[in-house]
Amino acid sequence: MTRPRPSVPDRPGPVVGVRQPPSRKLPNLTAARALRALEVIVFHAASAPGVAATMGIHDRTARRLLHTLEDEGYVQCGRGNYRRRHTYSPTPRLLALAGQLAARLPLARHGAHAVRQLRQSTGLDAYLVVPSYGDVIVLARAGEYAPALWTLLPASDSAGGSVLLAYRQSWRDAQRPADDQMASVDLEARAAEVRRDGYAANAEGDVTSLAVPVPMDPAPLAALVLSSHTGALGDNGREALLTVLRDAADRLNDAAPST
C-alpha cells in the first residue's frame, strides 16, 4: 500500500541562507545592515564603495559597517597596492562559528543519526541538505560516495534542491534570470511535480538520487537524500525506498522539529 503523503503548502518559510522579507519593522537598521554587508563580502571581496553600491547605502555608512565588522574580526582589509588596501574580505571566524553551530544544531545532530540509519537499512549512500542561497549544503552524510560535509550542490539540479525549491516560490524566482521564460516554466513544472509526488529524483552520470522533504512547518527546511551508483534507485525498487526515506524524515522531524 502506498503511504499517504501530507499536503504541504507552497508558501514561504524560514530558510537557511535565503533572504526573506522582514517580519517586522526594525527601529534600528544597523545590525541588519551589518549582516547584509557581511553577506556581500562573503560572496565577493569589495571596497566600501562597492558594498555601498550593492546595498544602496551611502559610502560613509558602508565604511562604518565594515570598520565594525573588521573590529569584531569578521572581515579584514587587504594589504599590498592601493586598490587592495581598500578591499575587504572575510576571515575564517565565520567558519569557526559555523563549526560550533554544526556541533550544537539539533537538525545536524539528529540528521547525522538519521543518515547513518538509512545507510544501514538500505546499503545506499545517504545525506541531509538544507538551503544555502543558490545551492543546498550537505549537513550530514553516510556512505563512501555521499557528498562530503559542507559540499554545495546546485539547488535547481539536485534531488534535495528540487524538493526544497518546490515549496518556496520566492526561492524559485531567484534561481533564474527574469527574462528566461523557459527556465520559469521548467522550474514551475518541476516544483508542481515534486509537490504532487512528494519526492524528487535526479540522475547525473551513473549516480541516481532520491529525496524527500523533512516535513517541518510551515515549509520543509531540510531534505533527506539516498544516492546510488548501481541502479538500485530505479523504478522497480523506488516505492519501497521512498517508504524508508519518508519514515526517516518523519522521525527526524519528531527529533528536531525546529532549528
Protein backbone atom coordinates (compact mmCIF):
# COMPACT_ATOMS: atom_id res chain seq x y z
CA MET A 1 0.00 0.00 0.00
CA THR A 2 1.31 3.42 -0.90
CA ARG A 3 1.84 5.57 2.15
CA PRO A 4 -0.36 8.73 2.14
CA ARG A 5 1.64 11.93 1.82
CA PRO A 6 0.85 15.01 3.90
CA SER A 7 -0.12 18.11 1.94
CA VAL A 8 2.48 20.86 2.29
CA PRO A 9 1.54 24.33 1.02
CA ASP A 10 3.79 26.20 -1.37
CA ARG A 11 4.39 29.19 0.89
CA PRO A 12 7.47 30.92 2.22
CA GLY A 13 9.09 29.95 5.48
CA PRO A 14 12.40 30.50 7.27
CA VAL A 15 15.22 29.29 5.04
CA VAL A 16 18.89 28.93 5.84
CA GLY A 17 20.82 31.31 3.64
CA VAL A 18 17.83 32.58 1.70
CA ARG A 19 16.84 36.19 2.30
CA GLN A 20 13.25 36.63 3.46
CA PRO A 21 11.13 39.80 3.79
CA PRO A 22 11.38 41.21 7.33
CA SER A 23 8.52 40.08 9.58
CA ARG A 24 8.55 43.38 11.49
CA LYS A 25 9.89 46.89 11.15
CA LEU A 26 13.19 47.40 12.93
CA PRO A 27 13.70 50.63 14.88
CA ASN A 28 17.44 50.45 14.16
CA LEU A 29 18.74 49.03 10.90
CA THR A 30 22.42 49.00 11.89
CA ALA A 31 22.52 45.31 12.87
CA ALA A 32 20.58 44.23 9.78
CA ARG A 33 22.84 46.30 7.54
CA ALA A 34 25.98 44.89 9.15
CA LEU A 35 24.79 41.35 8.45
CA ARG A 36 23.91 42.27 4.88
CA ALA A 37 27.35 43.83 4.38
CA LEU A 38 28.92 40.63 5.68
CA GLU A 39 26.90 38.62 3.16
CA VAL A 40 28.13 40.88 0.35
CA ILE A 41 31.76 40.43 1.40
CA VAL A 42 31.43 36.65 1.72
CA PHE A 43 30.36 36.36 -1.91
CA HIS A 44 32.93 38.79 -3.29
CA ALA A 45 35.67 40.88 -1.71
CA ALA A 46 34.75 44.53 -2.12
CA SER A 47 35.64 48.08 -1.15
CA ALA A 48 33.36 50.29 0.91
CA PRO A 49 32.00 52.00 -2.26
CA GLY A 50 31.34 48.55 -3.76
CA VAL A 51 29.40 47.43 -0.69
CA ALA A 52 27.53 50.75 -0.68
CA ALA A 53 26.52 50.35 -4.33
CA THR A 54 25.34 46.76 -3.77
CA MET A 55 23.31 47.66 -0.70
CA GLY A 56 22.06 51.05 -1.89
CA ILE A 57 23.51 52.98 1.05
CA HIS A 58 25.95 55.90 1.40
CA ASP A 59 29.70 55.22 1.20
CA ARG A 60 30.21 56.55 4.73
CA THR A 61 27.56 54.18 6.09
CA ALA A 62 29.21 51.22 4.37
CA ARG A 63 32.62 52.26 5.69
CA ARG A 64 31.30 52.39 9.27
CA LEU A 65 29.73 48.95 8.90
CA LEU A 66 32.95 47.47 7.52
CA HIS A 67 35.04 49.05 10.26
CA THR A 68 32.75 47.46 12.85
CA LEU A 69 32.97 44.05 11.18
CA GLU A 70 36.76 44.44 10.97
CA ASP A 71 36.99 45.33 14.66
CA GLU A 72 34.93 42.24 15.51
CA GLY A 73 37.20 40.02 13.39
CA TYR A 74 34.72 39.03 10.69
CA VAL A 75 36.38 40.88 7.79
CA GLN A 76 39.87 42.11 7.05
CA CYS A 77 41.17 44.91 4.89
CA GLY A 78 43.61 43.93 2.17
CA ARG A 79 47.32 44.56 2.12
CA GLY A 80 49.51 45.44 -0.83
CA ASN A 81 48.85 48.01 -3.54
CA TYR A 82 46.49 50.96 -3.14
CA ARG A 83 43.41 49.24 -4.51
CA ARG A 84 43.95 46.05 -2.48
CA ARG A 85 44.42 48.04 0.73
CA HIS A 86 40.86 49.27 0.40
CA THR A 87 39.30 45.87 -0.35
CA TYR A 88 37.60 43.89 2.41
CA SER A 89 37.40 40.09 2.55
CA PRO A 90 36.02 37.62 5.13
CA THR A 91 38.17 35.98 7.81
CA PRO A 92 37.89 32.35 8.99
CA ARG A 93 35.87 33.49 12.02
CA LEU A 94 32.62 32.69 10.21
CA LEU A 95 33.85 29.12 9.61
CA ALA A 96 34.69 28.79 13.28
CA LEU A 97 31.20 29.99 14.16
CA ALA A 98 29.62 27.57 11.68
CA GLY A 99 31.62 24.70 13.15
CA GLN A 100 30.33 25.49 16.63
CA LEU A 101 26.77 25.71 15.28
CA ALA A 102 27.01 22.37 13.47
CA ALA A 103 28.06 20.67 16.70
CA ARG A 104 25.03 22.05 18.55
CA LEU A 105 22.27 22.35 15.96
CA PRO A 106 19.59 19.69 16.65
CA LEU A 107 18.94 19.20 12.93
CA ALA A 108 22.63 18.43 12.30
CA ARG A 109 22.99 16.11 15.30
CA HIS A 110 19.81 14.15 14.68
CA GLY A 111 20.40 14.30 10.93
CA ALA A 112 23.72 12.51 11.35
CA HIS A 113 21.91 9.71 13.19
CA ALA A 114 19.18 9.57 10.53
CA VAL A 115 21.58 9.18 7.60
CA ARG A 116 23.58 6.50 9.43
CA GLN A 117 20.37 4.53 9.96
CA LEU A 118 19.42 4.98 6.30
CA ARG A 119 22.83 3.72 5.25
CA GLN A 120 22.48 0.65 7.47
CA SER A 121 18.93 -0.18 6.39
CA THR A 122 19.35 0.38 2.64
CA GLY A 123 23.06 -0.07 1.93
CA LEU A 124 22.92 3.16 -0.06
CA ASP A 125 24.65 6.49 0.46
CA ALA A 126 22.53 8.93 2.45
CA TYR A 127 22.79 12.61 3.25
CA LEU A 128 20.85 15.61 4.55
CA VAL A 129 20.74 19.00 2.83
CA VAL A 130 19.43 22.47 3.71
CA PRO A 131 19.17 25.60 1.51
CA SER A 132 22.21 27.84 1.09
CA TYR A 133 21.47 30.79 -1.22
CA GLY A 134 21.54 29.38 -4.77
CA ASP A 135 22.63 25.94 -3.58
CA VAL A 136 21.91 23.34 -0.95
CA ILE A 137 24.58 22.40 1.58
CA VAL A 138 25.29 18.93 2.97
CA LEU A 139 24.70 18.96 6.72
CA ALA A 140 25.09 15.22 7.43
CA ARG A 141 26.26 12.24 5.37
CA ALA A 142 26.86 8.48 5.50
CA GLY A 143 28.36 6.21 2.85
CA GLU A 144 31.53 6.03 0.85
CA TYR A 145 30.27 8.08 -2.09
CA ALA A 146 27.98 10.51 -0.28
CA PRO A 147 28.97 14.16 -0.80
CA ALA A 148 31.36 15.46 1.85
CA LEU A 149 30.08 17.62 4.68
CA TRP A 150 29.66 21.28 3.67
CA THR A 151 29.55 20.37 -0.03
CA LEU A 152 27.42 22.80 -2.05
CA LEU A 153 25.08 21.24 -4.62
CA PRO A 154 23.10 23.31 -7.14
CA ALA A 155 19.57 23.80 -5.87
CA SER A 156 17.97 23.55 -9.30
CA ASP A 157 19.95 20.49 -10.40
CA SER A 158 19.92 18.09 -7.44
CA ALA A 159 17.26 15.88 -5.90
CA GLY A 160 17.47 17.56 -2.49
CA GLY A 161 17.44 21.02 -4.02
CA SER A 162 14.42 20.21 -6.19
CA VAL A 163 12.49 19.09 -3.10
CA LEU A 164 13.23 22.27 -1.18
CA LEU A 165 12.65 24.58 -4.16
CA ALA A 166 9.22 23.07 -4.70
CA TYR A 167 7.80 24.72 -1.59
CA ARG A 168 9.23 28.23 -1.99
CA GLN A 169 8.10 30.47 -4.82
CA SER A 170 10.47 33.33 -3.96
CA TRP A 171 13.46 30.98 -3.95
CA ARG A 172 12.48 29.56 -7.33
CA ASP A 173 12.21 33.10 -8.67
CA ALA A 174 15.80 33.76 -7.57
CA GLN A 175 17.09 30.71 -9.47
CA ARG A 176 16.59 32.09 -12.98
CA PRO A 177 17.03 35.27 -14.99
CA ALA A 178 13.88 37.39 -15.05
CA ASP A 179 13.74 37.25 -18.85
CA ASP A 180 14.17 33.46 -19.15
CA GLN A 181 10.60 32.31 -19.67
CA MET A 182 11.53 28.71 -20.48
CA ALA A 183 13.50 28.39 -17.23
CA SER A 184 10.47 29.73 -15.38
CA VAL A 185 8.17 27.17 -17.00
CA ASP A 186 10.59 24.31 -16.34
CA LEU A 187 11.11 25.20 -12.66
CA GLU A 188 7.39 25.62 -12.01
CA ALA A 189 6.56 22.34 -13.73
CA ARG A 190 9.24 20.57 -11.73
CA ALA A 191 8.00 22.12 -8.48
CA ALA A 192 4.41 21.07 -9.18
CA GLU A 193 5.57 17.52 -9.93
CA VAL A 194 7.54 17.32 -6.67
CA ARG A 195 4.63 18.64 -4.60
CA ARG A 196 2.29 16.14 -6.27
CA ASP A 197 4.57 13.12 -5.80
CA GLY A 198 6.18 14.13 -2.52
CA TYR A 199 9.70 13.36 -3.72
CA ALA A 200 12.31 14.26 -6.34
CA ALA A 201 14.64 12.05 -8.36
CA ASN A 202 17.78 13.13 -10.17
CA ALA A 203 20.23 11.30 -12.43
CA GLU A 204 23.70 12.60 -13.25
CA GLY A 205 26.15 10.28 -14.96
CA ASP A 206 25.97 6.92 -13.18
CA VAL A 207 24.61 8.43 -9.95
CA THR A 208 20.88 8.40 -9.22
CA SER A 209 19.43 10.28 -6.23
CA LEU A 210 16.08 10.21 -4.49
CA ALA A 211 15.00 12.88 -1.99
CA VAL A 212 12.03 13.61 0.28
CA PRO A 213 11.31 16.65 2.45
CA VAL A 214 11.63 16.62 6.21
CA PRO A 215 8.04 17.75 6.97
CA MET A 216 8.59 20.90 9.01
CA ASP A 217 6.06 23.72 9.42
CA PRO A 218 5.36 25.97 7.58
CA ALA A 219 7.61 24.52 4.86
CA PRO A 220 10.39 21.90 4.71
CA LEU A 221 13.75 23.23 5.86
CA ALA A 222 15.71 20.08 5.00
CA ALA A 223 15.64 17.11 2.63
CA LEU A 224 16.87 13.54 3.11
CA VAL A 225 18.57 12.00 0.09
CA LEU A 226 19.54 8.47 -0.94
CA SER A 227 22.01 8.04 -3.80
CA SER A 228 23.37 5.05 -5.70
CA HIS A 229 25.95 4.24 -8.36
CA THR A 230 24.40 0.81 -9.01
CA GLY A 231 20.93 1.48 -10.36
CA ALA A 232 19.27 0.46 -7.08
CA LEU A 233 17.08 3.59 -7.24
CA GLY A 234 15.35 2.57 -10.44
CA ASP A 235 11.58 2.40 -10.80
CA ASN A 236 11.32 -1.20 -9.58
CA GLY A 237 12.51 -0.59 -6.03
CA ARG A 238 11.58 3.08 -5.73
CA GLU A 239 8.36 2.76 -3.72
CA ALA A 240 9.98 0.63 -1.02
CA LEU A 241 12.90 3.05 -0.70
CA LEU A 242 10.52 6.02 -0.59
CA THR A 243 8.72 4.41 2.33
CA VAL A 244 12.03 4.03 4.19
CA LEU A 245 13.01 7.61 3.36
CA ARG A 246 9.68 9.07 4.48
CA ASP A 247 9.77 7.13 7.73
CA ALA A 248 13.27 8.50 8.39
CA ALA A 249 12.11 12.05 7.55
CA ASP A 250 9.18 11.77 9.96
CA ARG A 251 11.45 10.53 12.75
CA LEU A 252 13.90 13.34 12.08
CA ASN A 253 11.13 15.91 12.27
CA ASP A 254 9.99 14.44 15.59
CA ALA A 255 13.56 14.54 16.95
CA ALA A 256 14.45 18.02 15.64
CA PRO A 257 11.16 19.87 14.96
CA SER A 258 12.85 23.28 14.82
CA THR A 259 16.32 24.75 14.48
